[in-house]
Every structure is written in C-alpha cells, then in structure tokens.
Amino acid sequence: ILKQLYPHAQEEIKGTGELIHSEYIHEDTIDTS
C-alpha cells in the first residue's frame, strides 16, 4: 500500500527493522513482517 501511495520511493520502501512503537498486551498475534 505504501508503495502505491509513494511510487517515487518504491525501491527504498522495505520491511521495517527496528520499531519505535509501544504495544499493549495483545491477545492476537500481530505479524509485522
């Protein structure tokens, strides 16, 4: 989706590595790959 929104950066948009975010204790398994 991000590549569609910003085609000029398609080659640079890759799967995220280190995350700056905070999480609750989820009951679901969230796939971020």
PDB file of all heavy atoms in Angstrom:
ATOM      1  N   ILE A   1       0.837  -1.208   0.000  1.00  0.00           N
ATOM      2  CA  ILE A   1       0.000   0.000   0.000  1.00  0.00           C
ATOM      3  C   ILE A   1       0.867   1.251   0.000  1.00  0.00           C
ATOM      4  O   ILE A   1       0.589   2.223  -0.723  1.00  0.00           O
ATOM      5  CB  ILE A   1      -0.946  -0.013   1.223  1.00  0.00           C
ATOM      6  CG1 ILE A   1      -1.960  -1.145   1.093  1.00  0.00           C
ATOM      7  CG2 ILE A   1      -1.651   1.334   1.379  1.00  0.00           C
ATOM      8  CD1 ILE A   1      -2.878  -1.291   2.278  1.00  0.00           C
ATOM      9  N   LEU A   2       1.941   1.240   0.802  1.00  0.00           N
ATOM     10  CA  LEU A   2       2.810   2.411   0.873  1.00  0.00           C
ATOM     11  C   LEU A   2       3.502   2.658  -0.462  1.00  0.00           C
ATOM     12  O   LEU A   2       3.684   3.818  -0.872  1.00  0.00           O
ATOM     13  CB  LEU A   2       3.844   2.214   1.992  1.00  0.00           C
ATOM     14  CG  LEU A   2       4.516   3.481   2.518  1.00  0.00           C
ATOM     15  CD1 LEU A   2       3.501   4.399   3.175  1.00  0.00           C
ATOM     16  CD2 LEU A   2       5.628   3.144   3.505  1.00  0.00           C
ATOM     17  N   LYS A   3       3.865   1.614  -1.156  1.00  0.00           N
ATOM     18  CA  LYS A   3       4.496   1.778  -2.468  1.00  0.00           C
ATOM     19  C   LYS A   3       3.529   2.384  -3.475  1.00  0.00           C
ATOM     20  O   LYS A   3       3.937   3.163  -4.354  1.00  0.00           O
ATOM     21  CB  LYS A   3       5.015   0.422  -2.971  1.00  0.00           C
ATOM     22  CG  LYS A   3       6.259  -0.067  -2.248  1.00  0.00           C
ATOM     23  CD  LYS A   3       6.758  -1.378  -2.837  1.00  0.00           C
ATOM     24  CE  LYS A   3       8.049  -1.813  -2.156  1.00  0.00           C
ATOM     25  NZ  LYS A   3       8.577  -3.084  -2.715  1.00  0.00           N
ATOM     26  N   GLN A   4       2.245   2.048  -3.367  1.00  0.00           N
ATOM     27  CA  GLN A   4       1.257   2.647  -4.261  1.00  0.00           C
ATOM     28  C   GLN A   4       1.081   4.136  -3.974  1.00  0.00           C
ATOM     29  O   GLN A   4       0.913   4.941  -4.894  1.00  0.00           O
ATOM     30  CB  GLN A   4      -0.082   1.930  -4.094  1.00  0.00           C
ATOM     31  CG  GLN A   4      -0.095   0.494  -4.582  1.00  0.00           C
ATOM     32  CD  GLN A   4      -1.402  -0.213  -4.270  1.00  0.00           C
ATOM     33  OE1 GLN A   4      -2.395   0.424  -3.924  1.00  0.00           O
ATOM     34  NE2 GLN A   4      -1.405  -1.532  -4.374  1.00  0.00           N
ATOM     35  N   LEU A   5       1.139   4.494  -2.677  1.00  0.00           N
ATOM     36  CA  LEU A   5       0.932   5.891  -2.299  1.00  0.00           C
ATOM     37  C   LEU A   5       2.148   6.751  -2.628  1.00  0.00           C
ATOM     38  O   LEU A   5       2.003   7.938  -2.942  1.00  0.00           O
ATOM     39  CB  LEU A   5       0.622   5.982  -0.802  1.00  0.00           C
ATOM     40  CG  LEU A   5      -0.697   5.357  -0.353  1.00  0.00           C
ATOM     41  CD1 LEU A   5      -0.799   5.377   1.176  1.00  0.00           C
ATOM     42  CD2 LEU A   5      -1.877   6.107  -0.966  1.00  0.00           C
ATOM     43  N   TYR A   6       3.352   6.175  -2.560  1.00  0.00           N
ATOM     44  CA  TYR A   6       4.592   6.938  -2.791  1.00  0.00           C
ATOM     45  C   TYR A   6       5.458   6.192  -3.797  1.00  0.00           C
ATOM     46  O   TYR A   6       6.486   5.591  -3.448  1.00  0.00           O
ATOM     47  CB  TYR A   6       5.344   7.145  -1.468  1.00  0.00           C
ATOM     48  CG  TYR A   6       4.520   7.901  -0.448  1.00  0.00           C
ATOM     49  CD1 TYR A   6       3.778   7.224   0.515  1.00  0.00           C
ATOM     50  CD2 TYR A   6       4.458   9.286  -0.464  1.00  0.00           C
ATOM     51  CE1 TYR A   6       3.002   7.909   1.446  1.00  0.00           C
ATOM     52  CE2 TYR A   6       3.686   9.982   0.449  1.00  0.00           C
ATOM     53  CZ  TYR A   6       2.961   9.289   1.398  1.00  0.00           C
ATOM     54  OH  TYR A   6       2.193   9.975   2.316  1.00  0.00           O
ATOM     55  N   PRO A   7       5.061   6.212  -5.069  1.00  0.00           N
ATOM     56  CA  PRO A   7       5.805   5.458  -6.093  1.00  0.00           C
ATOM     57  C   PRO A   7       7.248   5.924  -6.257  1.00  0.00           C
ATOM     58  O   PRO A   7       8.098   5.145  -6.683  1.00  0.00           O
ATOM     59  CB  PRO A   7       4.985   5.687  -7.371  1.00  0.00           C
ATOM     60  CG  PRO A   7       4.162   6.915  -7.100  1.00  0.00           C
ATOM     61  CD  PRO A   7       3.893   6.906  -5.635  1.00  0.00           C
ATOM     62  N   HIS A   8       7.541   7.182  -5.934  1.00  0.00           N
ATOM     63  CA  HIS A   8       8.906   7.690  -6.104  1.00  0.00           C
ATOM     64  C   HIS A   8       9.889   7.026  -5.142  1.00  0.00           C
ATOM     65  O   HIS A   8      11.106   7.120  -5.330  1.00  0.00           O
ATOM     66  CB  HIS A   8       8.937   9.209  -5.901  1.00  0.00           C
ATOM     67  CG  HIS A   8       8.626   9.636  -4.504  1.00  0.00           C
ATOM     68  ND1 HIS A   8       7.331   9.735  -4.037  1.00  0.00           N
ATOM     69  CD2 HIS A   8       9.432   9.963  -3.456  1.00  0.00           C
ATOM     70  CE1 HIS A   8       7.350  10.133  -2.774  1.00  0.00           C
ATOM     71  NE2 HIS A   8       8.609  10.280  -2.404  1.00  0.00           N
ATOM     72  N   ALA A   9       9.368   6.355  -4.104  1.00  0.00           N
ATOM     73  CA  ALA A   9      10.257   5.725  -3.115  1.00  0.00           C
ATOM     74  C   ALA A   9      10.099   4.206  -3.096  1.00  0.00           C
ATOM     75  O   ALA A   9      10.425   3.558  -2.113  1.00  0.00           O
ATOM     76  CB  ALA A   9       9.974   6.309  -1.732  1.00  0.00           C
ATOM     77  N   GLN A  10       9.614   3.628  -4.199  1.00  0.00           N
ATOM     78  CA  GLN A  10       9.333   2.198  -4.226  1.00  0.00           C
ATOM     79  C   GLN A  10      10.557   1.356  -3.910  1.00  0.00           C
ATOM     80  O   GLN A  10      10.479   0.365  -3.177  1.00  0.00           O
ATOM     81  CB  GLN A  10       8.786   1.798  -5.606  1.00  0.00           C
ATOM     82  CG  GLN A  10       7.313   2.102  -5.778  1.00  0.00           C
ATOM     83  CD  GLN A  10       6.724   1.387  -6.980  1.00  0.00           C
ATOM     84  OE1 GLN A  10       7.359   0.517  -7.558  1.00  0.00           O
ATOM     85  NE2 GLN A  10       5.511   1.761  -7.347  1.00  0.00           N
ATOM     86  N   GLU A  11      11.699   1.739  -4.439  1.00  0.00           N
ATOM     87  CA  GLU A  11      12.908   0.932  -4.251  1.00  0.00           C
ATOM     88  C   GLU A  11      13.431   1.013  -2.811  1.00  0.00           C
ATOM     89  O   GLU A  11      14.127   0.108  -2.354  1.00  0.00           O
ATOM     90  CB  GLU A  11      14.005   1.401  -5.219  1.00  0.00           C
ATOM     91  CG  GLU A  11      13.638   1.255  -6.687  1.00  0.00           C
ATOM     92  CD  GLU A  11      13.372  -0.199  -7.057  1.00  0.00           C
ATOM     93  OE1 GLU A  11      14.078  -1.076  -6.534  1.00  0.00           O
ATOM     94  OE2 GLU A  11      12.452  -0.443  -7.863  1.00  0.00           O
ATOM     95  N   GLU A  12      13.089   2.085  -2.121  1.00  0.00           N
ATOM     96  CA  GLU A  12      13.632   2.287  -0.765  1.00  0.00           C
ATOM     97  C   GLU A  12      12.708   1.775   0.326  1.00  0.00           C
ATOM     98  O   GLU A  12      13.120   1.620   1.473  1.00  0.00           O
ATOM     99  CB  GLU A  12      13.896   3.786  -0.547  1.00  0.00           C
ATOM    100  CG  GLU A  12      14.928   4.333  -1.511  1.00  0.00           C
ATOM    101  CD  GLU A  12      14.951   5.859  -1.494  1.00  0.00           C
ATOM    102  OE1 GLU A  12      13.917   6.457  -1.862  1.00  0.00           O
ATOM    103  OE2 GLU A  12      15.978   6.422  -1.110  1.00  0.00           O
ATOM    104  N   ILE A  13      11.439   1.522  -0.014  1.00  0.00           N
ATOM    105  CA  ILE A  13      10.483   1.036   0.980  1.00  0.00           C
ATOM    106  C   ILE A  13      10.662  -0.465   1.155  1.00  0.00           C
ATOM    107  O   ILE A  13      10.421  -1.242   0.238  1.00  0.00           O
ATOM    108  CB  ILE A  13       9.036   1.364   0.553  1.00  0.00           C
ATOM    109  CG1 ILE A  13       8.826   2.876   0.482  1.00  0.00           C
ATOM    110  CG2 ILE A  13       8.032   0.735   1.517  1.00  0.00           C
ATOM    111  CD1 ILE A  13       7.465   3.288  -0.044  1.00  0.00           C
ATOM    112  N   LYS A  14      11.096  -0.858   2.319  1.00  0.00           N
ATOM    113  CA  LYS A  14      11.338  -2.263   2.628  1.00  0.00           C
ATOM    114  C   LYS A  14      10.691  -2.590   3.967  1.00  0.00           C
ATOM    115  O   LYS A  14      10.219  -1.716   4.671  1.00  0.00           O
ATOM    116  CB  LYS A  14      12.839  -2.556   2.685  1.00  0.00           C
ATOM    117  CG  LYS A  14      13.578  -2.248   1.382  1.00  0.00           C
ATOM    118  CD  LYS A  14      15.058  -2.465   1.531  1.00  0.00           C
ATOM    119  CE  LYS A  14      15.799  -2.116   0.246  1.00  0.00           C
ATOM    120  NZ  LYS A  14      17.271  -2.273   0.397  1.00  0.00           N
ATOM    121  N   GLY A  15      10.700  -3.868   4.299  1.00  0.00           N
ATOM    122  CA  GLY A  15      10.140  -4.299   5.577  1.00  0.00           C
ATOM    123  C   GLY A  15      10.813  -3.587   6.729  1.00  0.00           C
ATOM    124  O   GLY A  15      12.023  -3.352   6.714  1.00  0.00           O
ATOM    125  N   THR A  16      10.041  -3.247   7.721  1.00  0.00           N
ATOM    126  CA  THR A  16      10.577  -2.474   8.831  1.00  0.00           C
ATOM    127  C   THR A  16      11.545  -3.295   9.662  1.00  0.00           C
ATOM    128  O   THR A  16      11.382  -4.498   9.834  1.00  0.00           O
ATOM    129  CB  THR A  16       9.434  -1.943   9.708  1.00  0.00           C
ATOM    130  OG1 THR A  16       9.957  -1.020  10.644  1.00  0.00           O
ATOM    131  CG2 THR A  16       8.751  -3.063  10.477  1.00  0.00           C
ATOM    132  N   GLY A  17      12.549  -2.645  10.157  1.00  0.00           N
ATOM    133  CA  GLY A  17      13.500  -3.306  11.050  1.00  0.00           C
ATOM    134  C   GLY A  17      13.189  -2.950  12.492  1.00  0.00           C
ATOM    135  O   GLY A  17      12.195  -3.386  13.056  1.00  0.00           O
ATOM    136  N   GLU A  18      14.013  -2.104  13.079  1.00  0.00           N
ATOM    137  CA  GLU A  18      13.763  -1.644  14.443  1.00  0.00           C
ATOM    138  C   GLU A  18      12.501  -0.803  14.485  1.00  0.00           C
ATOM    139  O   GLU A  18      12.262   0.050  13.631  1.00  0.00           O
ATOM    140  CB  GLU A  18      14.961  -0.818  14.924  1.00  0.00           C
ATOM    141  CG  GLU A  18      14.791  -0.286  16.338  1.00  0.00           C
ATOM    142  CD  GLU A  18      15.920   0.656  16.724  1.00  0.00           C
ATOM    143  OE1 GLU A  18      16.752   0.972  15.858  1.00  0.00           O
ATOM    144  OE2 GLU A  18      15.943   1.071  17.890  1.00  0.00           O
ATOM    145  N   LEU A  19      11.658  -1.058  15.469  1.00  0.00           N
ATOM    146  CA  LEU A  19      10.389  -0.349  15.581  1.00  0.00           C
ATOM    147  C   LEU A  19      10.424   0.653  16.728  1.00  0.00           C
ATOM    148  O   LEU A  19      10.914   0.335  17.806  1.00  0.00           O
ATOM    149  CB  LEU A  19       9.237  -1.333  15.814  1.00  0.00           C
ATOM    150  CG  LEU A  19       8.902  -2.282  14.660  1.00  0.00           C
ATOM    151  CD1 LEU A  19       7.791  -3.221  15.100  1.00  0.00           C
ATOM    152  CD2 LEU A  19       8.470  -1.514  13.423  1.00  0.00           C
ATOM    153  N   ILE A  20       9.921   1.836  16.463  1.00  0.00           N
ATOM    154  CA  ILE A  20       9.675   2.806  17.523  1.00  0.00           C
ATOM    155  C   ILE A  20       8.173   2.805  17.748  1.00  0.00           C
ATOM    156  O   ILE A  20       7.415   3.498  17.088  1.00  0.00           O
ATOM    157  CB  ILE A  20      10.151   4.217  17.124  1.00  0.00           C
ATOM    158  CG1 ILE A  20      11.660   4.251  16.977  1.00  0.00           C
ATOM    159  CG2 ILE A  20       9.708   5.246  18.161  1.00  0.00           C
ATOM    160  CD1 ILE A  20      12.424   4.120  18.270  1.00  0.00           C
ATOM    161  N   HIS A  21       7.710   1.934  18.613  1.00  0.00           N
ATOM    162  CA  HIS A  21       6.298   1.911  18.930  1.00  0.00           C
ATOM    163  C   HIS A  21       6.113   1.207  20.257  1.00  0.00           C
ATOM    164  O   HIS A  21       7.019   0.557  20.762  1.00  0.00           O
ATOM    165  CB  HIS A  21       5.481   1.236  17.819  1.00  0.00           C
ATOM    166  CG  HIS A  21       5.606  -0.254  17.784  1.00  0.00           C
ATOM    167  ND1 HIS A  21       6.824  -0.887  17.708  1.00  0.00           N
ATOM    168  CD2 HIS A  21       4.664  -1.223  17.835  1.00  0.00           C
ATOM    169  CE1 HIS A  21       6.625  -2.191  17.700  1.00  0.00           C
ATOM    170  NE2 HIS A  21       5.324  -2.430  17.775  1.00  0.00           N
ATOM    171  N   SER A  22       4.961   1.366  20.814  1.00  0.00           N
ATOM    172  CA  SER A  22       4.653   0.768  22.104  1.00  0.00           C
ATOM    173  C   SER A  22       3.401  -0.075  21.940  1.00  0.00           C
ATOM    174  O   SER A  22       2.515   0.248  21.155  1.00  0.00           O
ATOM    175  CB  SER A  22       4.408   1.865  23.147  1.00  0.00           C
ATOM    176  OG  SER A  22       5.493   2.773  23.160  1.00  0.00           O
ATOM    177  N   GLU A  23       3.349  -1.167  22.673  1.00  0.00           N
ATOM    178  CA  GLU A  23       2.251  -2.096  22.491  1.00  0.00           C
ATOM    179  C   GLU A  23       1.558  -2.407  23.802  1.00  0.00           C
ATOM    180  O   GLU A  23       2.193  -2.438  24.862  1.00  0.00           O
ATOM    181  CB  GLU A  23       2.749  -3.408  21.872  1.00  0.00           C
ATOM    182  CG  GLU A  23       3.112  -3.307  20.398  1.00  0.00           C
ATOM    183  CD  GLU A  23       3.415  -4.673  19.804  1.00  0.00           C
ATOM    184  OE1 GLU A  23       3.440  -5.653  20.576  1.00  0.00           O
ATOM    185  OE2 GLU A  23       3.626  -4.753  18.586  1.00  0.00           O
ATOM    186  N   TYR A  24       0.265  -2.662  23.676  1.00  0.00           N
ATOM    187  CA  TYR A  24      -0.466  -3.257  24.778  1.00  0.00           C
ATOM    188  C   TYR A  24      -0.159  -4.745  24.795  1.00  0.00           C
ATOM    189  O   TYR A  24       0.535  -5.264  23.918  1.00  0.00           O
ATOM    190  CB  TYR A  24      -1.970  -3.025  24.584  1.00  0.00           C
ATOM    191  CG  TYR A  24      -2.368  -1.576  24.504  1.00  0.00           C
ATOM    192  CD1 TYR A  24      -2.618  -0.958  23.276  1.00  0.00           C
ATOM    193  CD2 TYR A  24      -2.486  -0.805  25.647  1.00  0.00           C
ATOM    194  CE1 TYR A  24      -2.979   0.368  23.198  1.00  0.00           C
ATOM    195  CE2 TYR A  24      -2.856   0.534  25.582  1.00  0.00           C
ATOM    196  CZ  TYR A  24      -3.097   1.108  24.355  1.00  0.00           C
ATOM    197  OH  TYR A  24      -3.454   2.435  24.291  1.00  0.00           O
ATOM    198  N   ILE A  25      -0.663  -5.444  25.783  1.00  0.00           N
ATOM    199  CA  ILE A  25      -0.516  -6.894  25.827  1.00  0.00           C
ATOM    200  C   ILE A  25      -1.668  -7.475  25.013  1.00  0.00           C
ATOM    201  O   ILE A  25      -2.793  -7.579  25.486  1.00  0.00           O
ATOM    202  CB  ILE A  25      -0.526  -7.411  27.276  1.00  0.00           C
ATOM    203  CG1 ILE A  25       0.639  -6.787  28.047  1.00  0.00           C
ATOM    204  CG2 ILE A  25      -0.436  -8.930  27.312  1.00  0.00           C
ATOM    205  CD1 ILE A  25       0.655  -7.139  29.514  1.00  0.00           C
ATOM    206  N   HIS A  26      -1.372  -7.820  23.747  1.00  0.00           N
ATOM    207  CA  HIS A  26      -2.421  -8.257  22.839  1.00  0.00           C
ATOM    208  C   HIS A  26      -2.739  -9.737  23.046  1.00  0.00           C
ATOM    209  O   HIS A  26      -1.877 -10.535  23.410  1.00  0.00           O
ATOM    210  CB  HIS A  26      -1.989  -8.036  21.387  1.00  0.00           C
ATOM    211  CG  HIS A  26      -1.796  -6.594  21.026  1.00  0.00           C
ATOM    212  ND1 HIS A  26      -2.840  -5.715  20.899  1.00  0.00           N
ATOM    213  CD2 HIS A  26      -0.669  -5.881  20.765  1.00  0.00           C
ATOM    214  CE1 HIS A  26      -2.382  -4.523  20.569  1.00  0.00           C
ATOM    215  NE2 HIS A  26      -1.072  -4.601  20.487  1.00  0.00           N
ATOM    216  N   GLU A  27      -3.983 -10.079  22.755  1.00  0.00           N
ATOM    217  CA  GLU A  27      -4.376 -11.478  22.753  1.00  0.00           C
ATOM    218  C   GLU A  27      -4.174 -12.088  21.369  1.00  0.00           C
ATOM    219  O   GLU A  27      -4.106 -13.305  21.238  1.00  0.00           O
ATOM    220  CB  GLU A  27      -5.848 -11.603  23.176  1.00  0.00           C
ATOM    221  CG  GLU A  27      -6.089 -11.143  24.611  1.00  0.00           C
ATOM    222  CD  GLU A  27      -7.547 -11.225  25.014  1.00  0.00           C
ATOM    223  OE1 GLU A  27      -8.377 -11.593  24.162  1.00  0.00           O
ATOM    224  OE2 GLU A  27      -7.850 -10.932  26.180  1.00  0.00           O
ATOM    225  N   ASP A  28      -4.092 -11.258  20.346  1.00  0.00           N
ATOM    226  CA  ASP A  28      -3.860 -11.740  18.980  1.00  0.00           C
ATOM    227  C   ASP A  28      -2.370 -11.676  18.658  1.00  0.00           C
ATOM    228  O   ASP A  28      -1.616 -10.879  19.229  1.00  0.00           O
ATOM    229  CB  ASP A  28      -4.620 -10.885  17.967  1.00  0.00           C
ATOM    230  CG  ASP A  28      -6.119 -10.929  18.197  1.00  0.00           C
ATOM    231  OD1 ASP A  28      -6.599 -11.948  18.720  1.00  0.00           O
ATOM    232  OD2 ASP A  28      -6.800  -9.938  17.872  1.00  0.00           O
ATOM    233  N   THR A  29      -1.963 -12.509  17.715  1.00  0.00           N
ATOM    234  CA  THR A  29      -0.593 -12.465  17.202  1.00  0.00           C
ATOM    235  C   THR A  29      -0.569 -11.528  16.009  1.00  0.00           C
ATOM    236  O   THR A  29      -1.301 -11.734  15.032  1.00  0.00           O
ATOM    237  CB  THR A  29      -0.122 -13.860  16.783  1.00  0.00           C
ATOM    238  OG1 THR A  29      -0.162 -14.730  17.913  1.00  0.00           O
ATOM    239  CG2 THR A  29       1.306 -13.799  16.251  1.00  0.00           C
ATOM    240  N   ILE A  30       0.255 -10.495  16.089  1.00  0.00           N
ATOM    241  CA  ILE A  30       0.297  -9.471  15.042  1.00  0.00           C
ATOM    242  C   ILE A  30       1.561  -9.661  14.212  1.00  0.00           C
ATOM    243  O   ILE A  30       2.686  -9.578  14.725  1.00  0.00           O
ATOM    244  CB  ILE A  30       0.260  -8.060  15.657  1.00  0.00           C
ATOM    245  CG1 ILE A  30      -1.021  -7.885  16.483  1.00  0.00           C
ATOM    246  CG2 ILE A  30       0.343  -7.001  14.564  1.00  0.00           C
ATOM    247  CD1 ILE A  30      -1.101  -6.578  17.220  1.00  0.00           C
ATOM    248  N   ASP A  31       1.386  -9.912  12.920  1.00  0.00           N
ATOM    249  CA  ASP A  31       2.503 -10.133  12.006  1.00  0.00           C
ATOM    250  C   ASP A  31       2.929  -8.794  11.412  1.00  0.00           C
ATOM    251  O   ASP A  31       2.143  -8.118  10.743  1.00  0.00           O
ATOM    252  CB  ASP A  31       2.081 -11.109  10.910  1.00  0.00           C
ATOM    253  CG  ASP A  31       3.210 -11.409   9.937  1.00  0.00           C
ATOM    254  OD1 ASP A  31       4.374 -11.104  10.275  1.00  0.00           O
ATOM    255  OD2 ASP A  31       2.936 -11.947   8.837  1.00  0.00           O
ATOM    256  N   THR A  32       4.173  -8.422  11.651  1.00  0.00           N
ATOM    257  CA  THR A  32       4.688  -7.143  11.129  1.00  0.00           C
ATOM    258  C   THR A  32       5.704  -7.345  10.006  1.00  0.00           C
ATOM    259  O   THR A  32       6.341  -6.399   9.574  1.00  0.00           O
ATOM    260  CB  THR A  32       5.349  -6.328  12.260  1.00  0.00           C
ATOM    261  OG1 THR A  32       6.460  -7.081  12.800  1.00  0.00           O
ATOM    262  CG2 THR A  32       4.355  -6.046  13.372  1.00  0.00           C
ATOM    263  N   SER A  33       5.842  -8.589   9.538  1.00  0.00           N
ATOM    264  CA  SER A  33       6.876  -8.877   8.542  1.00  0.00           C
ATOM    265  C   SER A  33       6.614  -8.196   7.201  1.00  0.00           C
ATOM    266  O   SER A  33       7.557  -7.919   6.450  1.00  0.00           O
ATOM    267  CB  SER A  33       7.008 -10.392   8.339  1.00  0.00           C
ATOM    268  OG  SER A  33       5.781 -10.935   7.874  1.00  0.00           O
TER     269      SER A  33
END
